[in-house]
């Protein structure tokens, strides 16, 4: 396993991060424990969860006793509204503190290494959000804070505000990034490189598209009874010429380098010098194992170039899991 510094922090994290969104869903407690133990044994020292991932935090707290907890960096996110009959801003002081206390209780830990704003909240003044997170850092209840699913301009605005007010700034962004969804290369990547921010990448397989399971060898869409693709927008995306060409390119690269398609897709991400860590997910324990097998591998330069060329046309496609409009309510602006 390879390790890198996590942006402007003193944390040295593994290039692979264990994602736990499926914990408590498609993975039962016994499978979750197996996945956590295997990750740690393979050198993974970074685990990511969220308060909106069903029972993930609770199960993780049960399968990560103190002796294992001290071997890993633990990240979670705030988004859900559990207080005041949900009449509270998601990134408000009330919600952040209540949700953090809930996460700490479920995870059975005294602190969170990285606390992240899961999504932007345009109903809460930015100063309130930043002040709250800064105070939690000072109290030691969280070590660092970051964001997820934010635009580059939103993160840049936060950095400027923190610098002007001498507050603890965000240190990272978690973003959807893969060969089939490379939209963050437009602006987010440049911001991360310029400000030395850690970049965490989720959905490295593009929701499973890059495994080839939704297309045959000729690029035709195969009928799949999968909840994720009951969404019409997703089904249409599978038919797009650019997506089909990417899948075919990844299939060729995998075959030429004696890899599985999920492995070649992840290695393409791992080749990017600005990618700090890749969040691995899966609905079965073996999904993680196959990636650990190539933890120290690299794609040849010509293979990376082929996948870069295939991904190029998708850079300017719409963001799949980020808001198209909206942002932060500025001081004095009406709700």
C-alpha atoms as a PDB file:
ATOM      1  CA  UNK A   1       0.000   0.000   0.000  1.00  0.00           C
ATOM      2  CA  UNK A   2       1.232   3.493  -0.850  1.00  0.00           C
ATOM      3  CA  UNK A   3       0.755   6.500   1.440  1.00  0.00           C
ATOM      4  CA  UNK A   4       0.658  10.266   0.889  1.00  0.00           C
ATOM      5  CA  UNK A   5       0.260  13.380   2.997  1.00  0.00           C
ATOM      6  CA  UNK A   6      -3.345  14.517   3.199  1.00  0.00           C
ATOM      7  CA  UNK A   7      -3.074  18.025   1.770  1.00  0.00           C
ATOM      8  CA  UNK A   8      -2.119  20.699   4.284  1.00  0.00           C
ATOM      9  CA  UNK A   9      -2.320  18.351   7.267  1.00  0.00           C
ATOM     10  CA  UNK A  10      -0.023  16.050   9.187  1.00  0.00           C
ATOM     11  CA  UNK A  11      -2.047  12.950   8.266  1.00  0.00           C
ATOM     12  CA  UNK A  12      -0.344  10.393   6.054  1.00  0.00           C
ATOM     13  CA  UNK A  13      -3.129   8.342   4.497  1.00  0.00           C
ATOM     14  CA  UNK A  14      -3.311   5.287   2.260  1.00  0.00           C
ATOM     15  CA  UNK A  15      -3.988   5.824  -1.455  1.00  0.00           C
ATOM     16  CA  UNK A  16      -7.072   3.654  -0.997  1.00  0.00           C
ATOM     17  CA  UNK A  17      -9.790   4.693   1.452  1.00  0.00           C
ATOM     18  CA  UNK A  18     -12.424   2.236   2.656  1.00  0.00           C
ATOM     19  CA  UNK A  19     -15.896   3.500   1.744  1.00  0.00           C
ATOM     20  CA  UNK A  20     -18.714   2.214   3.945  1.00  0.00           C
ATOM     21  CA  UNK A  21     -21.898   3.383   2.219  1.00  0.00           C
ATOM     22  CA  UNK A  22     -23.011  -0.247   1.763  1.00  0.00           C
ATOM     23  CA  UNK A  23     -22.518  -1.107   5.448  1.00  0.00           C
ATOM     24  CA  UNK A  24     -25.863  -2.150   6.874  1.00  0.00           C
ATOM     25  CA  UNK A  25     -27.387  -2.250   3.400  1.00  0.00           C
ATOM     26  CA  UNK A  26     -26.016  -4.877   1.047  1.00  0.00           C
ATOM     27  CA  UNK A  27     -23.350  -5.829   3.590  1.00  0.00           C
ATOM     28  CA  UNK A  28     -24.444  -7.331   6.916  1.00  0.00           C
ATOM     29  CA  UNK A  29     -22.471  -6.842  10.130  1.00  0.00           C
ATOM     30  CA  UNK A  30     -20.412 -10.012   9.693  1.00  0.00           C
ATOM     31  CA  UNK A  31     -19.427  -9.014   6.149  1.00  0.00           C
ATOM     32  CA  UNK A  32     -18.639  -5.461   7.313  1.00  0.00           C
ATOM     33  CA  UNK A  33     -16.264  -6.763   9.964  1.00  0.00           C
ATOM     34  CA  UNK A  34     -14.559  -8.930   7.366  1.00  0.00           C
ATOM     35  CA  UNK A  35     -14.212  -5.951   5.008  1.00  0.00           C
ATOM     36  CA  UNK A  36     -12.766  -3.691   7.732  1.00  0.00           C
ATOM     37  CA  UNK A  37     -10.280  -6.320   8.921  1.00  0.00           C
ATOM     38  CA  UNK A  38      -9.122  -7.069   5.381  1.00  0.00           C
ATOM     39  CA  UNK A  39      -8.693  -3.364   4.627  1.00  0.00           C
ATOM     40  CA  UNK A  40      -6.529  -2.808   7.698  1.00  0.00           C
ATOM     41  CA  UNK A  41      -4.515  -5.968   6.986  1.00  0.00           C
ATOM     42  CA  UNK A  42      -3.888  -4.693   3.434  1.00  0.00           C
ATOM     43  CA  UNK A  43      -2.567  -1.377   4.761  1.00  0.00           C
ATOM     44  CA  UNK A  44      -5.651   0.840   4.441  1.00  0.00           C
ATOM     45  CA  UNK A  45      -5.579   3.412   7.247  1.00  0.00           C
ATOM     46  CA  UNK A  46      -8.418   5.668   6.113  1.00  0.00           C
ATOM     47  CA  UNK A  47     -12.161   4.943   6.464  1.00  0.00           C
ATOM     48  CA  UNK A  48     -14.987   7.146   5.191  1.00  0.00           C
ATOM     49  CA  UNK A  49     -18.642   7.128   6.242  1.00  0.00           C
ATOM     50  CA  UNK A  50     -21.533   9.587   6.655  1.00  0.00           C
ATOM     51  CA  UNK A  51     -24.545  10.247   8.840  1.00  0.00           C
ATOM     52  CA  UNK A  52     -26.774   9.615   5.811  1.00  0.00           C
ATOM     53  CA  UNK A  53     -25.372   6.157   5.006  1.00  0.00           C
ATOM     54  CA  UNK A  54     -28.121   4.228   6.779  1.00  0.00           C
ATOM     55  CA  UNK A  55     -26.674   2.177   9.660  1.00  0.00           C
ATOM     56  CA  UNK A  56     -23.105   2.574   8.452  1.00  0.00           C
ATOM     57  CA  UNK A  57     -21.842   4.624  11.409  1.00  0.00           C
ATOM     58  CA  UNK A  58     -23.454   2.319  13.965  1.00  0.00           C
ATOM     59  CA  UNK A  59     -22.069  -0.852  12.378  1.00  0.00           C
ATOM     60  CA  UNK A  60     -18.646   0.718  11.928  1.00  0.00           C
ATOM     61  CA  UNK A  61     -18.636   1.577  15.630  1.00  0.00           C
ATOM     62  CA  UNK A  62     -19.335  -2.070  16.426  1.00  0.00           C
ATOM     63  CA  UNK A  63     -16.654  -3.566  14.172  1.00  0.00           C
ATOM     64  CA  UNK A  64     -13.964  -0.970  14.886  1.00  0.00           C
ATOM     65  CA  UNK A  65     -12.930  -1.426  18.552  1.00  0.00           C
ATOM     66  CA  UNK A  66     -10.455   1.014  20.186  1.00  0.00           C
ATOM     67  CA  UNK A  67      -7.353  -0.946  19.192  1.00  0.00           C
ATOM     68  CA  UNK A  68      -8.373  -0.818  15.530  1.00  0.00           C
ATOM     69  CA  UNK A  69      -9.738   2.722  15.743  1.00  0.00           C
ATOM     70  CA  UNK A  70      -6.315   4.046  16.710  1.00  0.00           C
ATOM     71  CA  UNK A  71      -4.789   2.502  13.591  1.00  0.00           C
ATOM     72  CA  UNK A  72      -6.965   4.425  11.144  1.00  0.00           C
ATOM     73  CA  UNK A  73      -8.062   7.923  10.252  1.00  0.00           C
ATOM     74  CA  UNK A  74     -11.844   8.135  10.448  1.00  0.00           C
ATOM     75  CA  UNK A  75     -13.899  10.494   8.283  1.00  0.00           C
ATOM     76  CA  UNK A  76     -17.629  11.144   8.368  1.00  0.00           C
ATOM     77  CA  UNK A  77     -20.043  13.735   6.992  1.00  0.00           C
ATOM     78  CA  UNK A  78     -22.930  15.888   8.173  1.00  0.00           C
ATOM     79  CA  UNK A  79     -26.116  16.269   6.148  1.00  0.00           C
ATOM     80  CA  UNK A  80     -29.160  14.683   7.790  1.00  0.00           C
ATOM     81  CA  UNK A  81     -31.544  16.614  10.049  1.00  0.00           C
ATOM     82  CA  UNK A  82     -32.379  14.721  13.233  1.00  0.00           C
ATOM     83  CA  UNK A  83     -33.350  17.661  15.443  1.00  0.00           C
ATOM     84  CA  UNK A  84     -36.048  20.355  15.713  1.00  0.00           C
ATOM     85  CA  UNK A  85     -38.474  18.326  13.572  1.00  0.00           C
ATOM     86  CA  UNK A  86     -36.054  18.900  10.692  1.00  0.00           C
ATOM     87  CA  UNK A  87     -36.699  22.643  10.872  1.00  0.00           C
ATOM     88  CA  UNK A  88     -32.997  23.423  10.901  1.00  0.00           C
ATOM     89  CA  UNK A  89     -30.374  24.200   8.281  1.00  0.00           C
ATOM     90  CA  UNK A  90     -28.277  21.181   7.402  1.00  0.00           C
ATOM     91  CA  UNK A  91     -25.018  23.088   7.919  1.00  0.00           C
ATOM     92  CA  UNK A  92     -26.298  25.195  10.805  1.00  0.00           C
ATOM     93  CA  UNK A  93     -24.667  25.273  14.234  1.00  0.00           C
ATOM     94  CA  UNK A  94     -27.539  23.342  15.766  1.00  0.00           C
ATOM     95  CA  UNK A  95     -27.487  20.573  13.188  1.00  0.00           C
ATOM     96  CA  UNK A  96     -23.707  20.245  12.950  1.00  0.00           C
ATOM     97  CA  UNK A  97     -23.274  19.901  16.709  1.00  0.00           C
ATOM     98  CA  UNK A  98     -26.231  17.547  17.129  1.00  0.00           C
ATOM     99  CA  UNK A  99     -25.141  15.356  14.243  1.00  0.00           C
ATOM    100  CA  UNK A 100     -21.524  15.288  15.389  1.00  0.00           C
ATOM    101  CA  UNK A 101     -22.590  14.155  18.866  1.00  0.00           C
ATOM    102  CA  UNK A 102     -24.728  11.466  17.261  1.00  0.00           C
ATOM    103  CA  UNK A 103     -21.877  10.321  15.009  1.00  0.00           C
ATOM    104  CA  UNK A 104     -19.422  10.187  17.908  1.00  0.00           C
ATOM    105  CA  UNK A 105     -21.868   8.098  19.919  1.00  0.00           C
ATOM    106  CA  UNK A 106     -22.565   5.657  17.079  1.00  0.00           C
ATOM    107  CA  UNK A 107     -18.915   5.369  16.049  1.00  0.00           C
ATOM    108  CA  UNK A 108     -17.880   4.934  19.715  1.00  0.00           C
ATOM    109  CA  UNK A 109     -15.046   7.422  19.428  1.00  0.00           C
ATOM    110  CA  UNK A 110     -14.106  10.696  21.118  1.00  0.00           C
ATOM    111  CA  UNK A 111     -13.088  12.531  17.959  1.00  0.00           C
ATOM    112  CA  UNK A 112     -13.390  12.550  14.172  1.00  0.00           C
ATOM    113  CA  UNK A 113     -10.223  12.926  12.103  1.00  0.00           C
ATOM    114  CA  UNK A 114     -12.015  14.524   9.137  1.00  0.00           C
ATOM    115  CA  UNK A 115     -15.516  16.023   9.398  1.00  0.00           C
ATOM    116  CA  UNK A 116     -17.086  16.937   6.062  1.00  0.00           C
ATOM    117  CA  UNK A 117     -20.011  18.999   4.828  1.00  0.00           C
ATOM    118  CA  UNK A 118     -21.744  16.422   2.647  1.00  0.00           C
ATOM    119  CA  UNK A 119     -23.505  19.006   0.451  1.00  0.00           C
ATOM    120  CA  UNK A 120     -23.809  22.811   0.240  1.00  0.00           C
ATOM    121  CA  UNK A 121     -26.556  24.447   2.301  1.00  0.00           C
ATOM    122  CA  UNK A 122     -27.931  27.716   0.941  1.00  0.00           C
ATOM    123  CA  UNK A 123     -30.250  28.186   3.931  1.00  0.00           C
ATOM    124  CA  UNK A 124     -27.480  28.742   6.489  1.00  0.00           C
ATOM    125  CA  UNK A 125     -25.097  31.733   6.559  1.00  0.00           C
ATOM    126  CA  UNK A 126     -21.608  30.596   5.662  1.00  0.00           C
ATOM    127  CA  UNK A 127     -20.075  32.387   8.653  1.00  0.00           C
ATOM    128  CA  UNK A 128     -22.181  30.312  11.033  1.00  0.00           C
ATOM    129  CA  UNK A 129     -21.043  27.063   9.418  1.00  0.00           C
ATOM    130  CA  UNK A 130     -17.369  27.999   9.403  1.00  0.00           C
ATOM    131  CA  UNK A 131     -17.441  29.394  12.959  1.00  0.00           C
ATOM    132  CA  UNK A 132     -18.978  26.169  14.224  1.00  0.00           C
ATOM    133  CA  UNK A 133     -16.437  23.936  12.493  1.00  0.00           C
ATOM    134  CA  UNK A 134     -13.559  26.147  13.653  1.00  0.00           C
ATOM    135  CA  UNK A 135     -14.746  25.858  17.255  1.00  0.00           C
ATOM    136  CA  UNK A 136     -15.011  22.074  16.994  1.00  0.00           C
ATOM    137  CA  UNK A 137     -11.425  21.924  15.714  1.00  0.00           C
ATOM    138  CA  UNK A 138     -10.257  24.086  18.626  1.00  0.00           C
ATOM    139  CA  UNK A 139     -12.100  21.811  21.048  1.00  0.00           C
ATOM    140  CA  UNK A 140     -10.428  18.736  19.559  1.00  0.00           C
ATOM    141  CA  UNK A 141     -13.716  17.037  18.739  1.00  0.00           C
ATOM    142  CA  UNK A 142     -12.709  17.085  15.085  1.00  0.00           C
ATOM    143  CA  UNK A 143      -9.122  17.259  13.855  1.00  0.00           C
ATOM    144  CA  UNK A 144      -9.813  18.743  10.408  1.00  0.00           C
ATOM    145  CA  UNK A 145     -12.790  19.595   8.243  1.00  0.00           C
ATOM    146  CA  UNK A 146     -13.527  19.398   4.556  1.00  0.00           C
ATOM    147  CA  UNK A 147     -16.351  19.368   2.021  1.00  0.00           C
ATOM    148  CA  UNK A 148     -18.013  16.965  -0.375  1.00  0.00           C
ATOM    149  CA  UNK A 149     -19.999  17.614  -3.572  1.00  0.00           C
ATOM    150  CA  UNK A 150     -19.119  21.317  -3.682  1.00  0.00           C
ATOM    151  CA  UNK A 151     -18.163  23.391  -6.693  1.00  0.00           C
ATOM    152  CA  UNK A 152     -14.665  24.849  -6.848  1.00  0.00           C
ATOM    153  CA  UNK A 153     -16.015  28.398  -6.391  1.00  0.00           C
ATOM    154  CA  UNK A 154     -17.828  27.363  -3.201  1.00  0.00           C
ATOM    155  CA  UNK A 155     -14.700  25.824  -1.735  1.00  0.00           C
ATOM    156  CA  UNK A 156     -12.625  28.806  -2.859  1.00  0.00           C
ATOM    157  CA  UNK A 157     -15.063  31.175  -1.152  1.00  0.00           C
ATOM    158  CA  UNK A 158     -14.668  29.181   2.080  1.00  0.00           C
ATOM    159  CA  UNK A 159     -10.883  29.289   1.866  1.00  0.00           C
ATOM    160  CA  UNK A 160     -10.918  33.057   1.363  1.00  0.00           C
ATOM    161  CA  UNK A 161     -13.323  33.597   4.248  1.00  0.00           C
ATOM    162  CA  UNK A 162     -11.220  31.480   6.603  1.00  0.00           C
ATOM    163  CA  UNK A 163      -8.020  33.234   5.598  1.00  0.00           C
ATOM    164  CA  UNK A 164      -9.548  36.671   6.103  1.00  0.00           C
ATOM    165  CA  UNK A 165     -10.885  35.740   9.547  1.00  0.00           C
ATOM    166  CA  UNK A 166      -7.877  33.619  10.624  1.00  0.00           C
ATOM    167  CA  UNK A 167      -9.978  30.471  11.074  1.00  0.00           C
ATOM    168  CA  UNK A 168      -9.139  26.821  10.475  1.00  0.00           C
ATOM    169  CA  UNK A 169      -9.789  26.277   6.752  1.00  0.00           C
ATOM    170  CA  UNK A 170     -11.158  23.263   4.877  1.00  0.00           C
ATOM    171  CA  UNK A 171      -8.382  20.824   4.008  1.00  0.00           C
ATOM    172  CA  UNK A 172     -10.088  18.576   1.480  1.00  0.00           C
ATOM    173  CA  UNK A 173     -12.854  17.948  -1.001  1.00  0.00           C
ATOM    174  CA  UNK A 174     -14.561  14.644  -1.759  1.00  0.00           C
ATOM    175  CA  UNK A 175     -15.779  14.456  -5.343  1.00  0.00           C
ATOM    176  CA  UNK A 176     -17.260  12.101  -7.907  1.00  0.00           C
ATOM    177  CA  UNK A 177     -14.363  11.310 -10.249  1.00  0.00           C
ATOM    178  CA  UNK A 178     -13.825   8.544 -12.771  1.00  0.00           C
ATOM    179  CA  UNK A 179     -13.057   8.025 -16.453  1.00  0.00           C
ATOM    180  CA  UNK A 180     -16.750   8.364 -17.217  1.00  0.00           C
ATOM    181  CA  UNK A 181     -17.264  11.327 -14.854  1.00  0.00           C
ATOM    182  CA  UNK A 182     -14.160  13.560 -15.101  1.00  0.00           C
ATOM    183  CA  UNK A 183     -16.017  16.880 -14.695  1.00  0.00           C
ATOM    184  CA  UNK A 184     -13.920  18.044 -11.727  1.00  0.00           C
ATOM    185  CA  UNK A 185     -10.981  18.468 -14.107  1.00  0.00           C
ATOM    186  CA  UNK A 186     -12.631  21.714 -15.256  1.00  0.00           C
ATOM    187  CA  UNK A 187     -11.924  23.702 -12.080  1.00  0.00           C
ATOM    188  CA  UNK A 188     -11.739  21.596  -8.896  1.00  0.00           C
ATOM    189  CA  UNK A 189      -8.486  19.876  -9.788  1.00  0.00           C
ATOM    190  CA  UNK A 190      -6.761  23.198 -10.482  1.00  0.00           C
ATOM    191  CA  UNK A 191      -7.929  24.583  -7.131  1.00  0.00           C
ATOM    192  CA  UNK A 192      -6.709  21.517  -5.255  1.00  0.00           C
ATOM    193  CA  UNK A 193      -3.291  21.657  -6.902  1.00  0.00           C
ATOM    194  CA  UNK A 194      -2.873  25.390  -6.324  1.00  0.00           C
ATOM    195  CA  UNK A 195      -3.972  25.296  -2.654  1.00  0.00           C
ATOM    196  CA  UNK A 196      -2.552  21.833  -1.852  1.00  0.00           C
ATOM    197  CA  UNK A 197      -5.978  20.514  -0.882  1.00  0.00           C
ATOM    198  CA  UNK A 198      -6.524  16.793  -0.462  1.00  0.00           C
ATOM    199  CA  UNK A 199      -8.747  15.265  -3.150  1.00  0.00           C
ATOM    200  CA  UNK A 200     -10.827  12.235  -2.200  1.00  0.00           C
ATOM    201  CA  UNK A 201     -12.463  10.471  -5.153  1.00  0.00           C
ATOM    202  CA  UNK A 202     -15.628   8.440  -4.815  1.00  0.00           C
ATOM    203  CA  UNK A 203     -17.435   6.267  -7.375  1.00  0.00           C
ATOM    204  CA  UNK A 204     -14.188   5.411  -9.212  1.00  0.00           C
ATOM    205  CA  UNK A 205     -16.111   2.865 -11.298  1.00  0.00           C
ATOM    206  CA  UNK A 206     -18.791   5.334 -12.374  1.00  0.00           C
ATOM    207  CA  UNK A 207     -21.580   3.520 -10.571  1.00  0.00           C
ATOM    208  CA  UNK A 208     -20.402   0.199 -11.990  1.00  0.00           C
ATOM    209  CA  UNK A 209     -20.403   1.364 -15.611  1.00  0.00           C
ATOM    210  CA  UNK A 210     -16.641   0.933 -15.930  1.00  0.00           C
ATOM    211  CA  UNK A 211     -16.795  -2.723 -14.875  1.00  0.00           C
ATOM    212  CA  UNK A 212     -18.453  -3.485 -18.195  1.00  0.00           C
ATOM    213  CA  UNK A 213     -21.440  -5.201 -16.622  1.00  0.00           C
ATOM    214  CA  UNK A 214     -23.941  -2.914 -18.369  1.00  0.00           C
ATOM    215  CA  UNK A 215     -22.484  -3.262 -21.884  1.00  0.00           C
ATOM    216  CA  UNK A 216     -21.551  -6.242 -24.000  1.00  0.00           C
ATOM    217  CA  UNK A 217     -18.280  -6.449 -25.926  1.00  0.00           C
ATOM    218  CA  UNK A 218     -19.838  -4.598 -28.878  1.00  0.00           C
ATOM    219  CA  UNK A 219     -20.978  -1.707 -26.691  1.00  0.00           C
ATOM    220  CA  UNK A 220     -24.655  -2.611 -26.640  1.00  0.00           C
ATOM    221  CA  UNK A 221     -26.503  -1.926 -23.400  1.00  0.00           C
ATOM    222  CA  UNK A 222     -27.429  -5.124 -21.605  1.00  0.00           C
ATOM    223  CA  UNK A 223     -30.748  -5.367 -19.766  1.00  0.00           C
ATOM    224  CA  UNK A 224     -30.053  -5.113 -16.058  1.00  0.00           C
ATOM    225  CA  UNK A 225     -32.530  -5.246 -13.203  1.00  0.00           C
ATOM    226  CA  UNK A 226     -30.684  -2.845 -11.003  1.00  0.00           C
ATOM    227  CA  UNK A 227     -32.315  -0.226  -8.805  1.00  0.00           C
ATOM    228  CA  UNK A 228     -29.649   2.329  -9.638  1.00  0.00           C
ATOM    229  CA  UNK A 229     -30.536   2.246 -13.311  1.00  0.00           C
ATOM    230  CA  UNK A 230     -34.274   2.434 -12.894  1.00  0.00           C
ATOM    231  CA  UNK A 231     -33.566   6.158 -13.062  1.00  0.00           C
ATOM    232  CA  UNK A 232     -34.230   7.159 -16.667  1.00  0.00           C
ATOM    233  CA  UNK A 233     -31.349   9.665 -16.745  1.00  0.00           C
ATOM    234  CA  UNK A 234     -28.912   6.898 -15.843  1.00  0.00           C
ATOM    235  CA  UNK A 235     -30.347   4.571 -18.460  1.00  0.00           C
ATOM    236  CA  UNK A 236     -29.948   7.276 -21.101  1.00  0.00           C
ATOM    237  CA  UNK A 237     -26.382   7.900 -19.980  1.00  0.00           C
ATOM    238  CA  UNK A 238     -25.540   4.248 -20.690  1.00  0.00           C
ATOM    239  CA  UNK A 239     -26.576   4.759 -24.308  1.00  0.00           C
ATOM    240  CA  UNK A 240     -24.461   7.869 -24.910  1.00  0.00           C
ATOM    241  CA  UNK A 241     -21.749   7.360 -27.521  1.00  0.00           C
ATOM    242  CA  UNK A 242     -19.087   8.932 -25.295  1.00  0.00           C
ATOM    243  CA  UNK A 243     -19.900   6.551 -22.438  1.00  0.00           C
ATOM    244  CA  UNK A 244     -19.916   3.505 -24.714  1.00  0.00           C
ATOM    245  CA  UNK A 245     -16.524   4.502 -26.158  1.00  0.00           C
ATOM    246  CA  UNK A 246     -15.082   4.893 -22.652  1.00  0.00           C
ATOM    247  CA  UNK A 247     -16.283   1.455 -21.605  1.00  0.00           C
ATOM    248  CA  UNK A 248     -14.820  -0.093 -24.760  1.00  0.00           C
ATOM    249  CA  UNK A 249     -11.509   1.736 -24.225  1.00  0.00           C
ATOM    250  CA  UNK A 250     -11.325   0.522 -20.636  1.00  0.00           C
ATOM    251  CA  UNK A 251     -12.114  -3.017 -21.757  1.00  0.00           C
ATOM    252  CA  UNK A 252      -9.215  -2.933 -24.247  1.00  0.00           C
ATOM    253  CA  UNK A 253      -6.792  -1.469 -21.713  1.00  0.00           C
ATOM    254  CA  UNK A 254      -7.742  -4.110 -19.165  1.00  0.00           C
ATOM    255  CA  UNK A 255      -7.264  -6.930 -21.667  1.00  0.00           C
ATOM    256  CA  UNK A 256      -3.941  -5.571 -22.914  1.00  0.00           C
ATOM    257  CA  UNK A 257      -2.572  -5.345 -19.376  1.00  0.00           C
ATOM    258  CA  UNK A 258      -4.023  -8.573 -17.958  1.00  0.00           C
ATOM    259  CA  UNK A 259      -6.322  -6.688 -15.601  1.00  0.00           C
ATOM    260  CA  UNK A 260      -9.995  -6.723 -14.735  1.00  0.00           C
ATOM    261  CA  UNK A 261     -11.925  -3.667 -15.903  1.00  0.00           C
ATOM    262  CA  UNK A 262     -12.502  -2.416 -12.353  1.00  0.00           C
ATOM    263  CA  UNK A 263      -8.756  -2.617 -11.705  1.00  0.00           C
ATOM    264  CA  UNK A 264      -7.760  -0.646 -14.804  1.00  0.00           C
ATOM    265  CA  UNK A 265     -10.336   2.062 -13.995  1.00  0.00           C
ATOM    266  CA  UNK A 266      -8.981   2.482 -10.475  1.00  0.00           C
ATOM    267  CA  UNK A 267      -5.362   2.471 -11.642  1.00  0.00           C
ATOM    268  CA  UNK A 268      -6.198   5.304 -14.066  1.00  0.00           C
ATOM    269  CA  UNK A 269      -7.258   7.395 -11.074  1.00  0.00           C
ATOM    270  CA  UNK A 270      -4.288   6.318  -9.013  1.00  0.00           C
ATOM    271  CA  UNK A 271      -1.993   7.613 -11.783  1.00  0.00           C
ATOM    272  CA  UNK A 272      -3.241  11.180 -11.255  1.00  0.00           C
ATOM    273  CA  UNK A 273      -0.703  13.006  -9.034  1.00  0.00           C
ATOM    274  CA  UNK A 274      -3.370  15.309  -7.623  1.00  0.00           C
ATOM    275  CA  UNK A 275      -5.593  12.453  -6.401  1.00  0.00           C
ATOM    276  CA  UNK A 276      -4.903  11.892  -2.719  1.00  0.00           C
ATOM    277  CA  UNK A 277      -7.032   8.842  -2.019  1.00  0.00           C
ATOM    278  CA  UNK A 278      -9.569   6.707  -3.877  1.00  0.00           C
ATOM    279  CA  UNK A 279     -12.678   5.660  -1.967  1.00  0.00           C
ATOM    280  CA  UNK A 280     -13.459   2.006  -2.567  1.00  0.00           C
ATOM    281  CA  UNK A 281     -16.990   0.680  -2.261  1.00  0.00           C
ATOM    282  CA  UNK A 282     -18.698  -2.609  -2.935  1.00  0.00           C
ATOM    283  CA  UNK A 283     -21.769  -4.701  -2.271  1.00  0.00           C
ATOM    284  CA  UNK A 284     -19.689  -7.846  -1.617  1.00  0.00           C
ATOM    285  CA  UNK A 285     -16.387  -8.339   0.274  1.00  0.00           C
ATOM    286  CA  UNK A 286     -14.611  -9.629  -2.830  1.00  0.00           C
ATOM    287  CA  UNK A 287     -15.235  -6.308  -4.600  1.00  0.00           C
ATOM    288  CA  UNK A 288     -12.658  -4.718  -2.292  1.00  0.00           C
ATOM    289  CA  UNK A 289     -10.193  -7.613  -2.488  1.00  0.00           C
ATOM    290  CA  UNK A 290      -9.780  -7.320  -6.259  1.00  0.00           C
ATOM    291  CA  UNK A 291      -8.635  -3.718  -5.906  1.00  0.00           C
ATOM    292  CA  UNK A 292      -6.167  -4.444  -3.114  1.00  0.00           C
ATOM    293  CA  UNK A 293      -4.513  -6.924  -5.467  1.00  0.00           C
ATOM    294  CA  UNK A 294      -3.286  -4.003  -7.605  1.00  0.00           C
ATOM    295  CA  UNK A 295      -2.465  -1.596  -4.757  1.00  0.00           C
ATOM    296  CA  UNK A 296       1.146  -1.250  -5.892  1.00  0.00           C
ATOM    297  CA  UNK A 297       0.546  -1.605  -9.639  1.00  0.00           C
ATOM    298  CA  UNK A 298       0.674   1.124 -12.284  1.00  0.00           C
ATOM    299  CA  UNK A 299      -0.758   1.462 -15.769  1.00  0.00           C
ATOM    300  CA  UNK A 300       1.701   1.977 -18.647  1.00  0.00           C
ATOM    301  CA  UNK A 301       1.811   5.561 -19.923  1.00  0.00           C
ATOM    302  CA  UNK A 302       0.233   4.591 -23.244  1.00  0.00           C
ATOM    303  CA  UNK A 303      -2.711   2.974 -21.410  1.00  0.00           C
ATOM    304  CA  UNK A 304      -3.278   6.112 -19.339  1.00  0.00           C
ATOM    305  CA  UNK A 305      -3.166   8.215 -22.496  1.00  0.00           C
ATOM    306  CA  UNK A 306      -5.793   6.025 -24.166  1.00  0.00           C
ATOM    307  CA  UNK A 307      -8.154   6.427 -21.210  1.00  0.00           C
ATOM    308  CA  UNK A 308      -7.425  10.173 -20.984  1.00  0.00           C
ATOM    309  CA  UNK A 309      -8.424  10.542 -24.618  1.00  0.00           C
ATOM    310  CA  UNK A 310     -11.631   8.586 -24.059  1.00  0.00           C
ATOM    311  CA  UNK A 311     -12.527  10.642 -20.975  1.00  0.00           C
ATOM    312  CA  UNK A 312     -11.821  14.011 -22.632  1.00  0.00           C
ATOM    313  CA  UNK A 313     -15.260  14.635 -24.213  1.00  0.00           C
ATOM    314  CA  UNK A 314     -16.990  13.961 -20.880  1.00  0.00           C
ATOM    315  CA  UNK A 315     -15.174  16.726 -18.989  1.00  0.00           C
ATOM    316  CA  UNK A 316     -17.774  19.300 -20.011  1.00  0.00           C
ATOM    317  CA  UNK A 317     -20.840  17.142 -19.351  1.00  0.00           C
ATOM    318  CA  UNK A 318     -23.155  18.121 -16.431  1.00  0.00           C
ATOM    319  CA  UNK A 319     -22.227  17.135 -12.890  1.00  0.00           C
ATOM    320  CA  UNK A 320     -24.105  14.013 -11.862  1.00  0.00           C
ATOM    321  CA  UNK A 321     -24.182  14.469  -8.090  1.00  0.00           C
ATOM    322  CA  UNK A 322     -23.606  18.147  -7.505  1.00  0.00           C
ATOM    323  CA  UNK A 323     -26.112  21.021  -7.603  1.00  0.00           C
ATOM    324  CA  UNK A 324     -26.434  22.723 -10.983  1.00  0.00           C
ATOM    325  CA  UNK A 325     -27.668  25.943  -9.423  1.00  0.00           C
ATOM    326  CA  UNK A 326     -27.594  27.592  -6.009  1.00  0.00           C
ATOM    327  CA  UNK A 327     -24.845  28.030  -3.486  1.00  0.00           C
ATOM    328  CA  UNK A 328     -24.385  29.926  -0.275  1.00  0.00           C
ATOM    329  CA  UNK A 329     -26.656  32.636   1.061  1.00  0.00           C
ATOM    330  CA  UNK A 330     -24.516  35.742   1.411  1.00  0.00           C
ATOM    331  CA  UNK A 331     -24.686  37.996   4.503  1.00  0.00           C
ATOM    332  CA  UNK A 332     -27.810  40.161   4.379  1.00  0.00           C
ATOM    333  CA  UNK A 333     -29.328  38.196   1.508  1.00  0.00           C
ATOM    334  CA  UNK A 334     -32.933  37.083   1.977  1.00  0.00           C
ATOM    335  CA  UNK A 335     -33.667  33.385   2.356  1.00  0.00           C
END
